[in-house]
């Protein structure tokens, strides 16, 4: 499909959507949009709860020391007391 045909197709779709919004009414579209936002937030909360419920590792994996030097020690040439 050429770029011009693609632009015409997208323009027709956009015109149809805006005409539909004007026919249905702004108030109804606002309600539909708000409902979509609420459902999306509830979906994200459900996913977060599911991921926490099925976690393979605990939060300690974020603060576990692997034997690597601390950031301040690494930046000061290996000796944190030299600052």
PDB file of N, CA and C in Angstrom:
ATOM      1  N   UNK A   1       0.855  -1.180   0.000  1.00  0.00           N
ATOM      2  CA  UNK A   1       0.000   0.000   0.000  1.00  0.00           C
ATOM      3  C   UNK A   1       0.893   1.233   0.000  1.00  0.00           C
ATOM      4  N   UNK A   2       0.593   2.155  -0.890  1.00  0.00           N
ATOM      5  CA  UNK A   2       1.411   3.359  -0.997  1.00  0.00           C
ATOM      6  C   UNK A   2       1.123   4.308   0.163  1.00  0.00           C
ATOM      7  N   UNK A   3       2.019   5.265   0.343  1.00  0.00           N
ATOM      8  CA  UNK A   3       1.857   6.225   1.428  1.00  0.00           C
ATOM      9  C   UNK A   3       0.614   7.079   1.273  1.00  0.00           C
ATOM     10  N   UNK A   4       0.284   7.446   0.033  1.00  0.00           N
ATOM     11  CA  UNK A   4      -0.898   8.281  -0.199  1.00  0.00           C
ATOM     12  C   UNK A   4      -2.174   7.511   0.113  1.00  0.00           C
ATOM     13  N   UNK A   5      -2.226   6.258  -0.304  1.00  0.00           N
ATOM     14  CA  UNK A   5      -3.423   5.444  -0.011  1.00  0.00           C
ATOM     15  C   UNK A   5      -3.558   5.217   1.492  1.00  0.00           C
ATOM     16  N   UNK A   6      -2.430   5.015   2.168  1.00  0.00           N
ATOM     17  CA  UNK A   6      -2.446   4.830   3.613  1.00  0.00           C
ATOM     18  C   UNK A   6      -2.950   6.086   4.310  1.00  0.00           C
ATOM     19  N   UNK A   7      -2.519   7.254   3.864  1.00  0.00           N
ATOM     20  CA  UNK A   7      -2.961   8.518   4.458  1.00  0.00           C
ATOM     21  C   UNK A   7      -4.457   8.723   4.248  1.00  0.00           C
ATOM     22  N   UNK A   8      -4.950   8.388   3.061  1.00  0.00           N
ATOM     23  CA  UNK A   8      -6.392   8.527   2.791  1.00  0.00           C
ATOM     24  C   UNK A   8      -7.183   7.582   3.683  1.00  0.00           C
ATOM     25  N   UNK A   9      -6.712   6.347   3.823  1.00  0.00           N
ATOM     26  CA  UNK A   9      -7.407   5.373   4.676  1.00  0.00           C
ATOM     27  C   UNK A   9      -7.436   5.842   6.131  1.00  0.00           C
ATOM     28  N   UNK A  10      -6.295   6.306   6.641  1.00  0.00           N
ATOM     29  CA  UNK A  10      -6.260   6.795   8.028  1.00  0.00           C
ATOM     30  C   UNK A  10      -7.128   8.037   8.205  1.00  0.00           C
ATOM     31  N   UNK A  11      -7.166   8.910   7.207  1.00  0.00           N
ATOM     32  CA  UNK A  11      -8.029  10.090   7.275  1.00  0.00           C
ATOM     33  C   UNK A  11      -9.500   9.714   7.328  1.00  0.00           C
ATOM     34  N   UNK A  12      -9.900   8.731   6.526  1.00  0.00           N
ATOM     35  CA  UNK A  12     -11.292   8.275   6.540  1.00  0.00           C
ATOM     36  C   UNK A  12     -11.644   7.658   7.888  1.00  0.00           C
ATOM     37  N   UNK A  13     -10.734   6.865   8.444  1.00  0.00           N
ATOM     38  CA  UNK A  13     -10.991   6.253   9.754  1.00  0.00           C
ATOM     39  C   UNK A  13     -11.117   7.329  10.823  1.00  0.00           C
ATOM     40  N   UNK A  14     -10.224   8.314  10.809  1.00  0.00           N
ATOM     41  CA  UNK A  14     -10.280   9.395  11.797  1.00  0.00           C
ATOM     42  C   UNK A  14     -11.563  10.196  11.663  1.00  0.00           C
ATOM     43  N   UNK A  15     -11.979  10.464  10.445  1.00  0.00           N
ATOM     44  CA  UNK A  15     -13.234  11.182  10.206  1.00  0.00           C
ATOM     45  C   UNK A  15     -14.428  10.385  10.724  1.00  0.00           C
ATOM     46  N   UNK A  16     -14.415   9.084  10.514  1.00  0.00           N
ATOM     47  CA  UNK A  16     -15.507   8.232  11.004  1.00  0.00           C
ATOM     48  C   UNK A  16     -15.559   8.218  12.530  1.00  0.00           C
ATOM     49  N   UNK A  17     -14.390   8.155  13.160  1.00  0.00           N
ATOM     50  CA  UNK A  17     -14.351   8.139  14.634  1.00  0.00           C
ATOM     51  C   UNK A  17     -14.858   9.463  15.191  1.00  0.00           C
ATOM     52  N   UNK A  18     -14.413  10.580  14.664  1.00  0.00           N
ATOM     53  CA  UNK A  18     -14.861  11.874  15.190  1.00  0.00           C
ATOM     54  C   UNK A  18     -16.345  12.097  14.925  1.00  0.00           C
ATOM     55  N   UNK A  19     -16.843  11.626  13.792  1.00  0.00           N
ATOM     56  CA  UNK A  19     -18.275  11.738  13.512  1.00  0.00           C
ATOM     57  C   UNK A  19     -19.072  10.897  14.495  1.00  0.00           C
ATOM     58  N   UNK A  20     -18.580   9.704  14.792  1.00  0.00           N
ATOM     59  CA  UNK A  20     -19.256   8.829  15.755  1.00  0.00           C
ATOM     60  C   UNK A  20     -19.291   9.464  17.134  1.00  0.00           C
ATOM     61  N   UNK A  21     -18.192  10.074  17.552  1.00  0.00           N
ATOM     62  CA  UNK A  21     -18.155  10.739  18.855  1.00  0.00           C
ATOM     63  C   UNK A  21     -19.172  11.871  18.890  1.00  0.00           C
ATOM     64  N   UNK A  22     -19.273  12.645  17.827  1.00  0.00           N
ATOM     65  CA  UNK A  22     -20.230  13.745  17.798  1.00  0.00           C
ATOM     66  C   UNK A  22     -21.670  13.240  17.791  1.00  0.00           C
ATOM     67  N   UNK A  23     -21.921  12.122  17.130  1.00  0.00           N
ATOM     68  CA  UNK A  23     -23.276  11.578  17.092  1.00  0.00           C
ATOM     69  C   UNK A  23     -23.662  11.014  18.461  1.00  0.00           C
ATOM     70  N   UNK A  24     -22.755  10.243  19.062  1.00  0.00           N
ATOM     71  CA  UNK A  24     -23.048   9.613  20.353  1.00  0.00           C
ATOM     72  C   UNK A  24     -23.154  10.663  21.444  1.00  0.00           C
ATOM     73  N   UNK A  25     -22.302  11.624  21.413  1.00  0.00           N
ATOM     74  CA  UNK A  25     -22.320  12.667  22.437  1.00  0.00           C
ATOM     75  C   UNK A  25     -21.077  12.619  23.294  1.00  0.00           C
ATOM     76  N   UNK A  26     -20.642  13.790  23.667  1.00  0.00           N
ATOM     77  CA  UNK A  26     -19.424  13.917  24.445  1.00  0.00           C
ATOM     78  C   UNK A  26     -19.592  13.329  25.843  1.00  0.00           C
ATOM     79  N   UNK A  27     -20.756  13.502  26.439  1.00  0.00           N
ATOM     80  CA  UNK A  27     -20.969  13.014  27.799  1.00  0.00           C
ATOM     81  C   UNK A  27     -20.856  11.493  27.858  1.00  0.00           C
ATOM     82  N   UNK A  28     -21.485  10.800  26.921  1.00  0.00           N
ATOM     83  CA  UNK A  28     -21.414   9.347  26.913  1.00  0.00           C
ATOM     84  C   UNK A  28     -19.975   8.877  26.658  1.00  0.00           C
ATOM     85  N   UNK A  29     -19.280   9.547  25.773  1.00  0.00           N
ATOM     86  CA  UNK A  29     -17.891   9.178  25.507  1.00  0.00           C
ATOM     87  C   UNK A  29     -17.011   9.421  26.728  1.00  0.00           C
ATOM     88  N   UNK A  30     -17.307  10.462  27.507  1.00  0.00           N
ATOM     89  CA  UNK A  30     -16.555  10.718  28.739  1.00  0.00           C
ATOM     90  C   UNK A  30     -16.784   9.601  29.743  1.00  0.00           C
ATOM     91  N   UNK A  31     -18.019   9.121  29.833  1.00  0.00           N
ATOM     92  CA  UNK A  31     -18.331   8.015  30.752  1.00  0.00           C
ATOM     93  C   UNK A  31     -17.603   6.751  30.307  1.00  0.00           C
ATOM     94  N   UNK A  32     -17.616   6.487  29.009  1.00  0.00           N
ATOM     95  CA  UNK A  32     -16.931   5.302  28.490  1.00  0.00           C
ATOM     96  C   UNK A  32     -15.432   5.405  28.747  1.00  0.00           C
ATOM     97  N   UNK A  33     -14.864   6.579  28.556  1.00  0.00           N
ATOM     98  CA  UNK A  33     -13.431   6.782  28.785  1.00  0.00           C
ATOM     99  C   UNK A  33     -13.080   6.616  30.258  1.00  0.00           C
ATOM    100  N   UNK A  34     -13.890   7.174  31.135  1.00  0.00           N
ATOM    101  CA  UNK A  34     -13.637   7.047  32.571  1.00  0.00           C
ATOM    102  C   UNK A  34     -13.743   5.593  33.022  1.00  0.00           C
ATOM    103  N   UNK A  35     -14.707   4.888  32.463  1.00  0.00           N
ATOM    104  CA  UNK A  35     -14.857   3.472  32.794  1.00  0.00           C
ATOM    105  C   UNK A  35     -13.625   2.696  32.344  1.00  0.00           C
ATOM    106  N   UNK A  36     -13.117   3.016  31.167  1.00  0.00           N
ATOM    107  CA  UNK A  36     -11.907   2.357  30.680  1.00  0.00           C
ATOM    108  C   UNK A  36     -10.714   2.602  31.570  1.00  0.00           C
ATOM    109  N   UNK A  37     -10.572   3.821  32.061  1.00  0.00           N
ATOM    110  CA  UNK A  37      -9.459   4.151  32.955  1.00  0.00           C
ATOM    111  C   UNK A  37      -9.562   3.366  34.255  1.00  0.00           C
ATOM    112  N   UNK A  38     -10.761   3.315  34.827  1.00  0.00           N
ATOM    113  CA  UNK A  38     -10.957   2.580  36.079  1.00  0.00           C
ATOM    114  C   UNK A  38     -10.655   1.101  35.876  1.00  0.00           C
ATOM    115  N   UNK A  39     -11.123   0.523  34.783  1.00  0.00           N
ATOM    116  CA  UNK A  39     -10.868  -0.897  34.529  1.00  0.00           C
ATOM    117  C   UNK A  39      -9.384  -1.165  34.308  1.00  0.00           C
ATOM    118  N   UNK A  40      -8.695  -0.249  33.666  1.00  0.00           N
ATOM    119  CA  UNK A  40      -7.261  -0.418  33.458  1.00  0.00           C
ATOM    120  C   UNK A  40      -6.514  -0.367  34.786  1.00  0.00           C
ATOM    121  N   UNK A  41      -6.876   0.542  35.662  1.00  0.00           N
ATOM    122  CA  UNK A  41      -6.235   0.624  36.981  1.00  0.00           C
ATOM    123  C   UNK A  41      -6.495  -0.644  37.776  1.00  0.00           C
ATOM    124  N   UNK A  42      -7.727  -1.139  37.743  1.00  0.00           N
ATOM    125  CA  UNK A  42      -8.044  -2.389  38.451  1.00  0.00           C
ATOM    126  C   UNK A  42      -7.254  -3.558  37.870  1.00  0.00           C
ATOM    127  N   UNK A  43      -7.080  -3.577  36.564  1.00  0.00           N
ATOM    128  CA  UNK A  43      -6.289  -4.632  35.939  1.00  0.00           C
ATOM    129  C   UNK A  43      -4.842  -4.596  36.373  1.00  0.00           C
ATOM    130  N   UNK A  44      -4.265  -3.399  36.454  1.00  0.00           N
ATOM    131  CA  UNK A  44      -2.877  -3.264  36.898  1.00  0.00           C
ATOM    132  C   UNK A  44      -2.739  -3.717  38.348  1.00  0.00           C
ATOM    133  N   UNK A  45      -3.683  -3.343  39.189  1.00  0.00           N
ATOM    134  CA  UNK A  45      -3.649  -3.777  40.595  1.00  0.00           C
ATOM    135  C   UNK A  45      -3.732  -5.296  40.679  1.00  0.00           C
ATOM    136  N   UNK A  46      -4.599  -5.905  39.867  1.00  0.00           N
ATOM    137  CA  UNK A  46      -4.729  -7.363  39.869  1.00  0.00           C
ATOM    138  C   UNK A  46      -3.432  -8.031  39.418  1.00  0.00           C
ATOM    139  N   UNK A  47      -2.774  -7.475  38.421  1.00  0.00           N
ATOM    140  CA  UNK A  47      -1.505  -8.049  37.951  1.00  0.00           C
ATOM    141  C   UNK A  47      -0.433  -7.935  39.025  1.00  0.00           C
ATOM    142  N   UNK A  48      -0.354  -6.783  39.690  1.00  0.00           N
ATOM    143  CA  UNK A  48       0.653  -6.597  40.744  1.00  0.00           C
ATOM    144  C   UNK A  48       0.413  -7.575  41.886  1.00  0.00           C
ATOM    145  N   UNK A  49      -0.834  -7.744  42.293  1.00  0.00           N
ATOM    146  CA  UNK A  49      -1.148  -8.688  43.374  1.00  0.00           C
ATOM    147  C   UNK A  49      -0.794 -10.108  42.954  1.00  0.00           C
ATOM    148  N   UNK A  50      -1.107 -10.467  41.714  1.00  0.00           N
ATOM    149  CA  UNK A  50      -0.788 -11.809  41.226  1.00  0.00           C
ATOM    150  C   UNK A  50       0.717 -12.036  41.198  1.00  0.00           C
ATOM    151  N   UNK A  51       1.476 -11.053  40.746  1.00  0.00           N
ATOM    152  CA  UNK A  51       2.924 -11.208  40.718  1.00  0.00           C
ATOM    153  C   UNK A  51       3.509 -11.324  42.115  1.00  0.00           C
ATOM    154  N   UNK A  52       3.002 -10.558  43.063  1.00  0.00           N
ATOM    155  CA  UNK A  52       3.495 -10.675  44.434  1.00  0.00           C
ATOM    156  C   UNK A  52       3.108 -12.019  45.042  1.00  0.00           C
ATOM    157  N   UNK A  53       1.929 -12.533  44.720  1.00  0.00           N
ATOM    158  CA  UNK A  53       1.469 -13.798  45.289  1.00  0.00           C
ATOM    159  C   UNK A  53       2.262 -14.984  44.753  1.00  0.00           C
ATOM    160  N   UNK A  54       2.806 -14.870  43.548  1.00  0.00           N
ATOM    161  CA  UNK A  54       3.523 -15.986  42.944  1.00  0.00           C
ATOM    162  C   UNK A  54       5.018 -15.709  42.806  1.00  0.00           C
ATOM    163  N   UNK A  55       5.545 -14.893  43.680  1.00  0.00           N
ATOM    164  CA  UNK A  55       6.960 -14.527  43.621  1.00  0.00           C
ATOM    165  C   UNK A  55       7.830 -15.735  43.949  1.00  0.00           C
ATOM    166  N   UNK A  56       8.896 -15.914  43.204  1.00  0.00           N
ATOM    167  CA  UNK A  56       9.856 -17.007  43.451  1.00  0.00           C
ATOM    168  C   UNK A  56      10.930 -16.578  44.445  1.00  0.00           C
ATOM    169  N   UNK A  57      11.189 -15.283  44.528  1.00  0.00           N
ATOM    170  CA  UNK A  57      12.199 -14.750  45.436  1.00  0.00           C
ATOM    171  C   UNK A  57      11.572 -13.646  46.278  1.00  0.00           C
ATOM    172  N   UNK A  58      12.114 -13.431  47.438  1.00  0.00           N
ATOM    173  CA  UNK A  58      11.624 -12.380  48.306  1.00  0.00           C
ATOM    174  C   UNK A  58      12.286 -11.048  47.988  1.00  0.00           C
ATOM    175  N   UNK A  59      11.884  -9.999  48.684  1.00  0.00           N
ATOM    176  CA  UNK A  59      12.480  -8.689  48.455  1.00  0.00           C
ATOM    177  C   UNK A  59      13.945  -8.618  48.869  1.00  0.00           C
ATOM    178  N   UNK A  60      14.436  -9.610  49.588  1.00  0.00           N
ATOM    179  CA  UNK A  60      15.831  -9.589  50.027  1.00  0.00           C
ATOM    180  C   UNK A  60      16.791  -9.693  48.848  1.00  0.00           C
ATOM    181  N   UNK A  61      16.323 -10.135  47.688  1.00  0.00           N
ATOM    182  CA  UNK A  61      17.197 -10.229  46.523  1.00  0.00           C
ATOM    183  C   UNK A  61      17.684  -8.844  46.085  1.00  0.00           C
ATOM    184  N   UNK A  62      16.976  -7.798  46.443  1.00  0.00           N
ATOM    185  CA  UNK A  62      17.372  -6.446  46.075  1.00  0.00           C
ATOM    186  C   UNK A  62      18.505  -5.902  46.935  1.00  0.00           C
ATOM    187  N   UNK A  63      18.629  -6.399  48.149  1.00  0.00           N
ATOM    188  CA  UNK A  63      19.647  -5.871  49.063  1.00  0.00           C
ATOM    189  C   UNK A  63      20.695  -6.917  49.422  1.00  0.00           C
ATOM    190  N   UNK A  64      20.680  -8.043  48.747  1.00  0.00           N
ATOM    191  CA  UNK A  64      21.627  -9.123  49.035  1.00  0.00           C
ATOM    192  C   UNK A  64      23.028  -8.730  48.578  1.00  0.00           C
ATOM    193  N   UNK A  65      23.999  -8.879  49.460  1.00  0.00           N
ATOM    194  CA  UNK A  65      25.387  -8.567  49.125  1.00  0.00           C
ATOM    195  C   UNK A  65      25.996  -9.768  48.409  1.00  0.00           C
ATOM    196  N   UNK A  66      26.623  -9.535  47.271  1.00  0.00           N
ATOM    197  CA  UNK A  66      27.220 -10.628  46.496  1.00  0.00           C
ATOM    198  C   UNK A  66      28.728 -10.693  46.674  1.00  0.00           C
ATOM    199  N   UNK A  67      29.269  -9.928  47.565  1.00  0.00           N
ATOM    200  CA  UNK A  67      30.703  -9.908  47.773  1.00  0.00           C
ATOM    201  C   UNK A  67      31.400  -8.805  47.000  1.00  0.00           C
ATOM    202  N   UNK A  68      30.667  -8.067  46.198  1.00  0.00           N
ATOM    203  CA  UNK A  68      31.248  -6.961  45.443  1.00  0.00           C
ATOM    204  C   UNK A  68      31.489  -5.798  46.396  1.00  0.00           C
ATOM    205  N   UNK A  69      32.484  -4.966  46.115  1.00  0.00           N
ATOM    206  CA  UNK A  69      32.742  -3.823  47.005  1.00  0.00           C
ATOM    207  C   UNK A  69      31.590  -2.820  46.959  1.00  0.00           C
ATOM    208  N   UNK A  70      31.434  -2.117  48.034  1.00  0.00           N
ATOM    209  CA  UNK A  70      30.385  -1.096  48.117  1.00  0.00           C
ATOM    210  C   UNK A  70      30.691   0.030  47.140  1.00  0.00           C
ATOM    211  N   UNK A  71      29.686   0.801  46.783  1.00  0.00           N
ATOM    212  CA  UNK A  71      29.861   1.876  45.803  1.00  0.00           C
ATOM    213  C   UNK A  71      30.884   2.892  46.277  1.00  0.00           C
ATOM    214  N   UNK A  72      30.812   3.295  47.545  1.00  0.00           N
ATOM    215  CA  UNK A  72      31.754   4.309  48.033  1.00  0.00           C
ATOM    216  C   UNK A  72      33.179   3.769  48.065  1.00  0.00           C
ATOM    217  N   UNK A  73      33.340   2.484  48.362  1.00  0.00           N
ATOM    218  CA  UNK A  73      34.667   1.897  48.374  1.00  0.00           C
ATOM    219  C   UNK A  73      35.226   1.785  46.958  1.00  0.00           C
ATOM    220  N   UNK A  74      34.371   1.440  46.022  1.00  0.00           N
ATOM    221  CA  UNK A  74      34.821   1.287  44.624  1.00  0.00           C
ATOM    222  C   UNK A  74      35.228   2.642  44.054  1.00  0.00           C
ATOM    223  N   UNK A  75      34.557   3.717  44.447  1.00  0.00           N
ATOM    224  CA  UNK A  75      34.862   5.041  43.911  1.00  0.00           C
ATOM    225  C   UNK A  75      36.084   5.661  44.552  1.00  0.00           C
ATOM    226  N   UNK A  76      36.454   5.210  45.725  1.00  0.00           N
ATOM    227  CA  UNK A  76      37.589   5.815  46.405  1.00  0.00           C
ATOM    228  C   UNK A  76      38.855   4.992  46.281  1.00  0.00           C
ATOM    229  N   UNK A  77      38.894   4.134  45.286  1.00  0.00           N
ATOM    230  CA  UNK A  77      40.106   3.331  45.070  1.00  0.00           C
ATOM    231  C   UNK A  77      40.142   2.080  45.931  1.00  0.00           C
ATOM    232  N   UNK A  78      39.023   1.660  46.452  1.00  0.00           N
ATOM    233  CA  UNK A  78      38.978   0.422  47.218  1.00  0.00           C
ATOM    234  C   UNK A  78      39.035   0.626  48.711  1.00  0.00           C
ATOM    235  N   UNK A  79      39.281   1.840  49.167  1.00  0.00           N
ATOM    236  CA  UNK A  79      39.375   2.097  50.598  1.00  0.00           C
ATOM    237  C   UNK A  79      38.390   3.194  50.963  1.00  0.00           C
ATOM    238  N   UNK A  80      37.308   2.822  51.618  1.00  0.00           N
ATOM    239  CA  UNK A  80      36.269   3.787  51.961  1.00  0.00           C
ATOM    240  C   UNK A  80      36.755   4.799  52.982  1.00  0.00           C
ATOM    241  N   UNK A  81      37.759   4.438  53.770  1.00  0.00           N
ATOM    242  CA  UNK A  81      38.249   5.336  54.813  1.00  0.00           C
ATOM    243  C   UNK A  81      39.220   6.395  54.261  1.00  0.00           C
ATOM    244  N   UNK A  82      39.595   6.305  52.990  1.00  0.00           N
ATOM    245  CA  UNK A  82      40.577   7.242  52.464  1.00  0.00           C
ATOM    246  C   UNK A  82      39.997   8.611  52.118  1.00  0.00           C
ATOM    247  N   UNK A  83      38.717   8.795  52.261  1.00  0.00           N
ATOM    248  CA  UNK A  83      38.116  10.092  51.913  1.00  0.00           C
ATOM    249  C   UNK A  83      38.320  11.080  52.966  1.00  0.00           C
TER     250      UNK A  83
END
